N, C-alpha and C. Protein backbone atom coordinates (compact mmCIF):
# COMPACT_ATOMS: atom_id res chain seq x y z
N MET A 1 -67.03 -99.82 -116.33
CA MET A 1 -67.26 -101.17 -116.58
C MET A 1 -66.81 -102.28 -116.01
N ASP A 2 -67.54 -103.68 -116.13
CA ASP A 2 -67.13 -104.38 -115.36
C ASP A 2 -65.95 -105.48 -116.32
N LYS A 3 -64.92 -105.18 -115.57
CA LYS A 3 -64.32 -105.87 -116.32
C LYS A 3 -63.56 -107.55 -116.14
N ASP A 4 -64.18 -107.67 -115.10
CA ASP A 4 -64.54 -108.95 -115.02
C ASP A 4 -65.52 -109.63 -115.07
N GLY A 5 -66.36 -109.15 -115.46
CA GLY A 5 -67.61 -109.83 -115.84
C GLY A 5 -68.72 -110.06 -114.39
N ILE A 6 -68.58 -110.01 -113.30
CA ILE A 6 -69.19 -110.36 -112.35
C ILE A 6 -70.64 -109.90 -111.97
N PHE A 7 -70.36 -108.57 -112.77
CA PHE A 7 -72.07 -107.22 -112.54
C PHE A 7 -72.79 -107.78 -113.74
N LYS A 8 -72.17 -108.81 -114.89
CA LYS A 8 -73.15 -108.88 -116.40
C LYS A 8 -74.56 -109.46 -115.97
N ASP A 9 -74.96 -109.34 -114.43
CA ASP A 9 -76.56 -110.07 -114.85
C ASP A 9 -77.44 -108.78 -114.28
N VAL A 10 -76.50 -107.44 -113.83
CA VAL A 10 -77.28 -106.73 -113.21
C VAL A 10 -77.69 -105.60 -114.26
N LEU A 11 -78.49 -105.95 -115.22
CA LEU A 11 -78.91 -105.20 -116.14
C LEU A 11 -79.60 -103.84 -116.40
N VAL A 12 -79.81 -102.64 -117.05
CA VAL A 12 -80.53 -102.02 -117.23
C VAL A 12 -81.27 -101.37 -118.34
N ASN A 13 -82.12 -100.51 -118.60
CA ASN A 13 -82.33 -100.60 -120.10
C ASN A 13 -81.27 -99.26 -120.86
N PRO A 14 -81.07 -99.30 -121.97
CA PRO A 14 -79.81 -98.87 -122.21
C PRO A 14 -80.47 -96.69 -122.54
N SER A 15 -81.59 -97.12 -122.92
CA SER A 15 -82.11 -95.82 -123.41
C SER A 15 -82.72 -95.18 -122.29
N LYS A 16 -82.95 -95.86 -120.89
CA LYS A 16 -83.50 -95.21 -119.75
C LYS A 16 -82.29 -94.35 -119.09
N LEU A 17 -80.80 -95.32 -119.09
CA LEU A 17 -80.25 -94.94 -119.03
C LEU A 17 -79.19 -93.53 -119.31
N ARG A 18 -79.53 -93.56 -120.92
CA ARG A 18 -78.89 -92.23 -121.49
C ARG A 18 -79.75 -90.90 -121.18
N ASN A 19 -81.23 -91.20 -120.98
CA ASN A 19 -81.90 -90.24 -120.69
C ASN A 19 -81.59 -90.33 -119.20
N ALA A 20 -81.45 -90.83 -118.47
CA ALA A 20 -80.97 -90.06 -117.09
C ALA A 20 -79.85 -89.38 -116.93
N GLU A 21 -78.62 -90.04 -117.44
CA GLU A 21 -77.66 -88.84 -117.66
C GLU A 21 -77.78 -87.88 -118.66
N SER A 22 -78.38 -87.59 -119.33
CA SER A 22 -79.18 -86.43 -119.83
C SER A 22 -79.87 -85.40 -119.01
N GLY A 23 -80.42 -86.10 -118.43
CA GLY A 23 -81.15 -84.81 -117.75
C GLY A 23 -80.16 -84.88 -116.27
N ALA A 24 -79.18 -85.47 -116.51
CA ALA A 24 -78.51 -85.05 -114.88
C ALA A 24 -77.54 -83.45 -115.36
N LEU A 25 -77.42 -83.94 -116.54
CA LEU A 25 -76.34 -82.43 -117.09
C LEU A 25 -77.00 -81.62 -117.15
N MET A 26 -78.22 -81.37 -116.80
CA MET A 26 -79.32 -80.62 -116.81
C MET A 26 -79.88 -80.16 -115.11
N ALA A 27 -79.38 -80.91 -114.16
CA ALA A 27 -80.40 -81.11 -113.00
C ALA A 27 -79.36 -79.90 -112.35
N ARG A 28 -79.72 -79.58 -111.21
CA ARG A 28 -79.96 -78.82 -109.89
C ARG A 28 -78.68 -79.36 -109.01
N ASN A 29 -78.82 -80.52 -108.73
CA ASN A 29 -77.58 -81.43 -108.01
C ASN A 29 -77.86 -82.51 -109.06
N PRO A 30 -76.77 -82.79 -109.55
CA PRO A 30 -76.12 -84.02 -110.54
C PRO A 30 -76.38 -84.83 -110.03
N THR A 31 -75.43 -85.46 -109.33
CA THR A 31 -74.99 -86.29 -108.86
C THR A 31 -76.42 -87.05 -108.12
N ALA A 32 -77.41 -86.11 -107.46
CA ALA A 32 -78.28 -87.13 -106.71
C ALA A 32 -79.53 -87.33 -107.67
N PHE A 33 -79.42 -86.29 -108.30
CA PHE A 33 -80.79 -86.76 -110.08
C PHE A 33 -79.85 -88.47 -110.34
N LEU A 34 -78.64 -88.49 -110.89
CA LEU A 34 -78.38 -89.56 -111.16
C LEU A 34 -78.78 -90.62 -110.26
N LEU A 35 -78.35 -90.75 -109.08
CA LEU A 35 -78.13 -91.53 -108.30
C LEU A 35 -80.24 -92.23 -108.59
N ASN A 36 -80.76 -91.25 -107.71
CA ASN A 36 -81.76 -91.90 -107.54
C ASN A 36 -82.59 -92.72 -108.94
N LYS A 37 -82.53 -91.77 -110.46
CA LYS A 37 -82.27 -92.14 -111.90
C LYS A 37 -82.17 -93.90 -111.74
N VAL A 38 -80.77 -93.84 -110.68
CA VAL A 38 -79.93 -95.11 -111.49
C VAL A 38 -80.76 -96.19 -110.16
N LEU A 39 -80.79 -95.72 -109.62
CA LEU A 39 -81.58 -96.65 -108.40
C LEU A 39 -82.89 -96.99 -108.56
N ASP A 40 -83.59 -96.32 -109.78
CA ASP A 40 -84.82 -96.57 -109.91
C ASP A 40 -85.01 -97.65 -111.47
N LEU A 41 -83.46 -97.73 -112.03
CA LEU A 41 -83.11 -98.48 -113.21
C LEU A 41 -82.96 -100.06 -112.30
N VAL A 42 -82.26 -99.95 -111.31
CA VAL A 42 -81.60 -101.38 -110.88
C VAL A 42 -82.24 -101.95 -109.70
N PHE A 43 -83.31 -101.11 -109.16
CA PHE A 43 -83.88 -102.21 -108.16
C PHE A 43 -85.02 -101.95 -108.66
N HIS A 44 -86.03 -103.34 -108.82
CA HIS A 44 -87.44 -103.09 -108.51
C HIS A 44 -88.00 -102.21 -107.78
N VAL A 45 -89.52 -101.79 -107.99
CA VAL A 45 -89.75 -100.93 -106.56
C VAL A 45 -90.42 -102.08 -105.79
N ASP A 46 -91.05 -103.18 -105.57
CA ASP A 46 -90.77 -104.06 -104.64
C ASP A 46 -89.92 -104.55 -103.78
N GLU A 47 -88.80 -103.97 -104.34
CA GLU A 47 -87.23 -104.19 -104.08
C GLU A 47 -87.02 -102.93 -103.25
N MET A 48 -87.63 -101.58 -103.36
CA MET A 48 -87.16 -100.64 -102.49
C MET A 48 -88.61 -100.31 -101.50
N LYS A 49 -89.54 -101.01 -101.74
CA LYS A 49 -90.43 -100.92 -100.79
C LYS A 49 -90.02 -101.76 -99.51
N HIS A 50 -89.36 -102.30 -99.65
CA HIS A 50 -89.36 -103.71 -98.52
C HIS A 50 -88.39 -104.17 -97.97
N SER A 51 -87.38 -103.13 -99.00
CA SER A 51 -86.14 -103.29 -98.29
C SER A 51 -85.77 -102.46 -96.68
N LYS A 52 -86.53 -101.25 -96.47
CA LYS A 52 -86.09 -101.20 -95.26
C LYS A 52 -85.15 -99.84 -94.86
N GLY A 53 -84.31 -99.44 -96.56
CA GLY A 53 -83.56 -98.50 -96.52
C GLY A 53 -82.72 -99.39 -97.40
N VAL A 54 -81.47 -98.81 -97.08
CA VAL A 54 -80.87 -99.03 -97.92
C VAL A 54 -79.84 -100.34 -97.37
N LYS A 55 -79.50 -100.98 -96.36
CA LYS A 55 -78.71 -101.80 -95.73
C LYS A 55 -79.94 -103.29 -96.40
N GLY A 56 -81.07 -103.03 -96.65
CA GLY A 56 -82.18 -104.05 -96.71
C GLY A 56 -81.93 -104.28 -98.24
N LEU A 57 -81.09 -103.84 -99.26
CA LEU A 57 -81.04 -103.86 -100.65
C LEU A 57 -80.11 -104.73 -101.31
N ASN A 58 -80.04 -105.56 -102.39
CA ASN A 58 -79.37 -106.82 -102.78
C ASN A 58 -77.84 -106.12 -102.89
N THR A 59 -76.86 -106.71 -102.12
CA THR A 59 -75.97 -106.53 -102.26
C THR A 59 -74.91 -106.20 -103.31
N HIS A 60 -75.50 -107.60 -104.09
CA HIS A 60 -75.04 -107.69 -105.55
C HIS A 60 -74.78 -106.37 -106.41
N LYS A 61 -76.29 -105.92 -106.55
CA LYS A 61 -76.80 -104.65 -106.72
C LYS A 61 -75.97 -103.66 -106.34
N MET A 62 -76.03 -103.44 -105.11
CA MET A 62 -75.28 -102.25 -104.55
C MET A 62 -74.38 -102.35 -105.15
N GLU A 63 -72.78 -103.41 -105.28
CA GLU A 63 -71.79 -103.40 -105.59
C GLU A 63 -71.90 -102.65 -106.48
N ALA A 64 -72.62 -103.34 -107.83
CA ALA A 64 -72.51 -102.68 -108.85
C ALA A 64 -72.60 -101.06 -109.04
N ILE A 65 -73.76 -101.03 -108.43
CA ILE A 65 -74.02 -99.21 -108.91
C ILE A 65 -72.46 -98.49 -108.56
N ASN A 66 -71.83 -99.10 -107.31
CA ASN A 66 -70.53 -98.23 -106.40
C ASN A 66 -69.83 -98.52 -107.68
N GLY A 67 -69.13 -99.80 -107.81
CA GLY A 67 -68.51 -100.19 -109.05
C GLY A 67 -67.34 -100.99 -108.56
N ASN A 68 -67.87 -101.69 -107.13
CA ASN A 68 -66.79 -102.24 -106.62
C ASN A 68 -66.30 -103.57 -106.67
């Protein structure tokens, strides 16, 4: 959880996040499964399409995922 509230504008659907967490528990590679699902929840399809890799994604959202 973000104790300082700097990532309060980075929102995801709680039920979809819960489903991703549940799916990760049964996945062959839970870490990769959860990361892929969370990326889909945080970034819009167009953001991913035009990013040309991770470095092109919104740094604020990436920090929220990393928990920095």
